[in-house]
Amino acid sequence: MSTSPMQMSEARRFQQLKGHLSYLKLNDAAEALNRVLDQARTERMSMTAALERLLEIEVEATEARCLAARERFACLPEPWSLADFDFAAQPGVDEKLIRDLATLRFLDDASNVLFVGPPGVGKTMLSVALGRAAVEAGHRVYFTTAADLAARCHKAALEGRWKTCMNFFAGPKLLIVDELGYLPLPEDGASALFQVINQRYLKSSTILTTNVGIADWAGAFGDATVAAAMLDRLLHRAAVAGIDGPSYRLRNHQTKVDTIRAGVNSRAS
């Protein structure tokens, strides 16, 4: 069966179009080209509508790749979101404040957030939830513990990479420093944390979780001058969420235990 010149021309044009898309690295659009053309023919779509659909596929795929890259960089320890937090179970949390923070308006003016309270009350979960919201909104986020930050800075200083290390921590739109005060910082740890906070001051936001009350920082970190300077920069533009309530983590654990026991008793009866 012979192929007409018009059919040959259309076949060549299809291959050229697919080649152009691939050359421009619009690989998802190239892969979807045949499907979109079939859809356009079946649904009698206009040329503009078909082209819009083809580029929409590429845009969606690009956004998904960018989101995945931001998630990898962020190093968030859990996939928590604000929907996972049970405010009714933790009356010590100011829900109105957290909901306001979840709008991410605090990132616009480089404000900071301090979660202060004893272990287990949900400080890390809330900070991760805000971090995930920022990632999904297109911002670069990085999560670390205070101990890991101090160790990384110390190693960088020994290896002559101090400036590179400082530039790394200065980069993210949102830096989350978890568990400040849980472990004693090394001798130069508080100084390193201050320098990170100082270079981010009025430029980008930091979320910090700590079990140490603000009035006790001087004693807890061993250097009253550094502690005061750090607080000065953190609190200049900041929301402070003091959480004084029952252990959120222990309550969840007890709920699971009670559920298991109830199931065992039900089967036994």
Protein backbone atom coordinates (compact mmCIF):
# COMPACT_ATOMS: atom_id res chain seq x y z
CA MET A 1 0.00 0.00 0.00
CA SER A 2 1.52 3.30 -1.11
CA THR A 3 1.77 6.37 1.15
CA SER A 4 0.52 9.66 -0.26
CA PRO A 5 2.82 12.71 -0.31
CA MET A 6 0.50 14.41 2.21
CA GLN A 7 0.68 11.43 4.60
CA MET A 8 4.44 11.28 4.25
CA SER A 9 4.64 15.00 4.96
CA GLU A 10 2.52 14.65 8.11
CA ALA A 11 4.60 11.71 9.32
CA ARG A 12 7.81 13.68 8.74
CA ARG A 13 6.31 16.75 10.45
CA PHE A 14 5.35 14.65 13.52
CA GLN A 15 8.88 13.28 13.83
CA GLN A 16 10.38 16.72 13.40
CA LEU A 17 8.08 18.17 16.06
CA LYS A 18 8.95 15.37 18.46
CA GLY A 19 12.62 15.95 17.69
CA HIS A 20 12.30 19.68 18.38
CA LEU A 21 10.68 18.99 21.75
CA SER A 22 13.43 16.55 22.68
CA TYR A 23 16.14 18.95 21.53
CA LEU A 24 14.67 21.63 23.78
CA LYS A 25 14.63 19.05 26.59
CA LEU A 26 10.84 19.13 26.79
CA ASN A 27 10.94 15.39 27.24
CA ASP A 28 7.58 14.95 28.95
CA ALA A 29 5.87 16.95 26.22
CA ALA A 30 7.63 14.86 23.59
CA GLU A 31 6.47 11.67 25.27
CA ALA A 32 2.89 12.96 25.47
CA LEU A 33 2.79 14.35 21.92
CA ASN A 34 1.11 11.37 20.30
CA ARG A 35 -1.47 11.13 23.09
CA VAL A 36 -2.30 14.83 22.91
CA LEU A 37 -2.66 14.74 19.12
CA ASP A 38 -5.05 11.79 19.40
CA GLN A 39 -7.00 13.65 22.07
CA ALA A 40 -7.14 16.77 19.90
CA ARG A 41 -8.46 14.77 16.98
CA THR A 42 -11.06 12.90 19.06
CA GLU A 43 -12.27 15.95 20.98
CA ARG A 44 -11.85 18.34 18.04
CA MET A 45 -9.62 20.60 20.08
CA SER A 46 -8.31 23.80 18.55
CA MET A 47 -4.61 24.12 17.80
CA THR A 48 -4.27 26.56 20.69
CA ALA A 49 -5.99 24.19 23.13
CA ALA A 50 -3.84 21.24 22.03
CA LEU A 51 -0.65 23.28 22.37
CA GLU A 52 -1.73 24.54 25.80
CA ARG A 53 -2.39 20.97 26.95
CA LEU A 54 0.98 19.80 25.67
CA LEU A 55 2.86 22.56 27.50
CA GLU A 56 0.75 22.04 30.63
CA ILE A 57 2.01 18.46 30.78
CA GLU A 58 5.60 19.70 30.59
CA VAL A 59 5.03 22.37 33.23
CA GLU A 60 3.41 19.90 35.63
CA ALA A 61 6.29 17.45 35.20
CA THR A 62 8.86 20.21 35.74
CA GLU A 63 7.10 21.40 38.89
CA ALA A 64 7.00 17.83 40.22
CA ARG A 65 10.75 17.43 39.64
CA CYS A 66 11.49 20.76 41.32
CA LEU A 67 9.33 19.82 44.30
CA ALA A 68 11.11 16.47 44.64
CA ALA A 69 14.49 18.24 44.53
CA ARG A 70 13.42 20.73 47.21
CA GLU A 71 12.16 17.87 49.39
CA ARG A 72 15.49 16.03 49.09
CA PHE A 73 17.45 19.17 49.95
CA ALA A 74 15.22 20.02 52.94
CA CYS A 75 16.07 16.78 54.81
CA LEU A 76 12.81 16.93 56.76
CA PRO A 77 12.83 13.95 59.13
CA GLU A 78 9.13 13.05 58.72
CA PRO A 79 6.40 13.69 56.12
CA TRP A 80 4.36 15.68 58.64
CA SER A 81 1.96 18.42 57.61
CA LEU A 82 -0.19 20.71 59.74
CA ALA A 83 -3.17 18.43 59.08
CA ASP A 84 -1.37 15.71 61.08
CA PHE A 85 -1.23 17.82 64.25
CA ASP A 86 -4.03 17.27 66.75
CA PHE A 87 -4.58 20.66 68.35
CA ALA A 88 -7.30 19.26 70.61
CA ALA A 89 -4.75 16.85 72.11
CA GLN A 90 -2.27 19.65 72.82
CA PRO A 91 -4.08 22.58 74.47
CA GLY A 92 -0.74 24.24 75.15
CA VAL A 93 -0.42 25.25 71.47
CA ASP A 94 -1.77 28.59 70.28
CA GLU A 95 -3.69 27.28 67.25
CA LYS A 96 -4.47 30.76 65.93
CA LEU A 97 -0.77 31.63 65.90
CA ILE A 98 0.18 28.37 64.17
CA ARG A 99 -2.52 28.84 61.52
CA ASP A 100 -1.18 32.32 60.86
CA LEU A 101 2.38 31.01 60.57
CA ALA A 102 1.14 28.39 58.10
CA THR A 103 0.29 31.20 55.67
CA LEU A 104 4.10 31.66 55.47
CA ARG A 105 3.74 35.44 55.71
CA PHE A 106 6.63 35.40 58.17
CA LEU A 107 8.96 34.47 55.31
CA ASP A 108 8.14 37.70 53.48
CA ASP A 109 9.81 39.91 56.09
CA ALA A 110 12.46 37.40 57.23
CA SER A 111 10.85 36.87 60.63
CA ASN A 112 11.82 33.99 62.89
CA VAL A 113 9.81 31.44 64.87
CA LEU A 114 10.80 30.03 68.27
CA PHE A 115 9.04 26.98 69.66
CA VAL A 116 9.82 26.75 73.38
CA GLY A 117 8.69 23.93 75.65
CA PRO A 118 9.56 20.60 77.27
CA PRO A 119 10.25 17.44 75.24
CA GLY A 120 7.37 15.73 73.48
CA VAL A 121 4.92 18.63 73.20
CA GLY A 122 5.02 18.85 69.39
CA LYS A 123 7.71 21.47 68.69
CA THR A 124 9.51 19.41 66.05
CA MET A 125 6.27 18.28 64.42
CA LEU A 126 5.06 21.86 64.05
CA SER A 127 8.41 23.08 62.71
CA VAL A 128 8.49 20.27 60.15
CA ALA A 129 4.89 21.00 59.15
CA LEU A 130 5.78 24.64 58.50
CA GLY A 131 8.90 23.56 56.65
CA ARG A 132 6.87 21.24 54.40
CA ALA A 133 4.41 24.03 53.66
CA ALA A 134 7.33 26.26 52.63
CA VAL A 135 8.80 23.53 50.41
CA GLU A 136 5.46 23.02 48.69
CA ALA A 137 5.17 26.78 48.20
CA GLY A 138 8.42 26.77 46.24
CA HIS A 139 10.92 27.86 48.92
CA ARG A 140 14.28 26.29 49.75
CA VAL A 141 14.21 24.84 53.26
CA TYR A 142 16.84 23.02 55.29
CA PHE A 143 16.33 21.07 58.52
CA THR A 144 19.10 20.28 61.00
CA THR A 145 19.55 19.73 64.70
CA ALA A 146 21.57 22.20 66.76
CA ALA A 147 24.11 19.47 67.55
CA ASP A 148 24.57 18.55 63.87
CA LEU A 149 24.90 22.21 62.88
CA ALA A 150 27.58 22.76 65.52
CA ALA A 151 29.46 19.60 64.48
CA ARG A 152 29.32 20.55 60.80
CA CYS A 153 30.60 24.06 61.50
CA HIS A 154 33.40 22.70 63.71
CA LYS A 155 34.51 20.28 61.01
CA ALA A 156 34.39 23.00 58.36
CA ALA A 157 36.58 25.25 60.51
CA LEU A 158 39.19 22.49 60.92
CA GLU A 159 39.21 21.80 57.18
CA GLY A 160 39.39 25.44 56.13
CA ARG A 161 35.84 25.49 54.71
CA TRP A 162 34.29 27.92 57.16
CA LYS A 163 33.11 30.42 54.55
CA THR A 164 31.60 27.65 52.41
CA CYS A 165 29.77 26.26 55.44
CA MET A 166 28.42 29.69 56.39
CA ASN A 167 27.26 30.26 52.81
CA PHE A 168 25.43 26.94 52.89
CA PHE A 169 23.46 27.82 56.02
CA ALA A 170 22.80 31.33 54.71
CA GLY A 171 21.22 29.99 51.51
CA PRO A 172 17.82 28.51 52.41
CA LYS A 173 14.80 30.79 52.62
CA LEU A 174 13.92 28.88 55.81
CA LEU A 175 16.40 27.19 58.15
CA ILE A 176 14.99 24.90 60.85
CA VAL A 177 17.28 24.27 63.84
CA ASP A 178 15.81 21.58 66.07
CA GLU A 179 16.56 20.46 69.63
CA LEU A 180 18.59 23.42 70.86
CA GLY A 181 19.46 22.74 74.48
CA TYR A 182 18.78 18.99 74.43
CA LEU A 183 22.48 18.19 74.18
CA PRO A 184 25.37 20.34 75.41
CA LEU A 185 27.00 22.18 72.53
CA PRO A 186 30.78 21.92 72.13
CA GLU A 187 32.89 24.85 73.23
CA ASP A 188 32.56 26.67 69.92
CA GLY A 189 29.02 25.44 69.20
CA ALA A 190 27.14 28.44 70.55
CA SER A 191 29.47 30.77 68.67
CA ALA A 192 28.91 28.87 65.42
CA LEU A 193 25.14 28.98 65.87
CA PHE A 194 25.31 32.72 66.57
CA GLN A 195 27.26 33.32 63.38
CA VAL A 196 24.68 31.36 61.37
CA ILE A 197 21.85 33.36 62.97
CA ASN A 198 23.76 36.62 62.48
CA GLN A 199 24.33 36.19 58.76
CA ARG A 200 20.66 35.28 58.23
CA TYR A 201 19.51 38.27 60.29
CA LEU A 202 16.92 40.39 58.39
CA LYS A 203 17.60 38.35 55.23
CA SER A 204 15.86 35.01 55.73
CA SER A 205 13.85 33.16 58.35
CA THR A 206 14.88 30.66 61.00
CA ILE A 207 12.67 28.30 63.01
CA LEU A 208 14.27 27.16 66.25
CA THR A 209 12.94 24.60 68.72
CA THR A 210 14.29 24.48 72.25
CA ASN A 211 13.49 23.10 75.67
CA VAL A 212 15.33 26.01 77.30
CA GLY A 213 13.30 29.03 78.37
CA ILE A 214 14.51 32.31 76.90
CA ALA A 215 15.42 33.65 80.35
CA ASP A 216 17.75 30.67 80.87
CA TRP A 217 19.76 30.85 77.64
CA ALA A 218 22.76 32.58 79.20
CA GLY A 219 23.28 29.76 81.69
CA ALA A 220 22.39 26.95 79.32
CA PHE A 221 24.82 27.91 76.57
CA GLY A 222 27.70 28.91 78.80
CA ASP A 223 28.33 32.34 77.25
CA ALA A 224 26.01 35.10 78.35
CA THR A 225 27.29 37.53 75.71
CA VAL A 226 26.76 35.14 72.81
CA ALA A 227 23.36 34.09 74.15
CA ALA A 228 22.24 37.72 74.47
CA ALA A 229 23.47 38.58 70.98
CA MET A 230 21.74 35.53 69.51
CA LEU A 231 18.45 36.37 71.21
CA ASP A 232 18.72 39.99 70.10
CA ARG A 233 18.77 38.95 66.45
CA LEU A 234 16.27 36.11 66.77
CA LEU A 235 13.67 38.14 68.66
CA HIS A 236 13.92 41.36 66.66
CA ARG A 237 11.35 39.93 64.26
CA ALA A 238 9.92 36.78 65.75
CA ALA A 239 6.90 34.82 66.81
CA VAL A 240 7.47 32.95 70.08
CA ALA A 241 5.24 29.93 70.67
CA GLY A 242 5.57 28.69 74.22
CA ILE A 243 4.09 25.21 74.54
CA ASP A 244 3.37 24.15 78.09
CA GLY A 245 1.22 21.05 78.00
CA PRO A 246 1.24 17.26 78.19
CA SER A 247 3.60 15.23 76.07
CA TYR A 248 2.03 14.92 72.64
CA ARG A 249 4.31 12.01 71.78
CA LEU A 250 3.56 10.03 74.96
CA ARG A 251 -0.16 10.57 74.49
CA ASN A 252 -0.01 9.15 70.95
CA HIS A 253 2.03 6.22 72.22
CA GLN A 254 -0.49 5.55 74.99
CA THR A 255 -3.36 5.73 72.49
CA LYS A 256 -1.70 3.05 70.36
CA VAL A 257 -1.11 0.87 73.42
CA ASP A 258 -4.74 1.26 74.50
CA THR A 259 -5.93 0.37 70.99
CA ILE A 260 -3.79 -2.78 70.94
CA ARG A 261 -5.03 -3.80 74.40
CA ALA A 262 -8.63 -3.22 73.40
CA GLY A 263 -8.15 -5.43 70.35
CA VAL A 264 -6.56 -8.20 72.40
CA ASN A 265 -9.33 -8.06 75.01
CA SER A 266 -11.98 -8.12 72.29
CA ARG A 267 -10.50 -11.23 70.71
CA ALA A 268 -10.12 -12.90 74.10
CA SER A 269 -13.76 -12.36 74.96
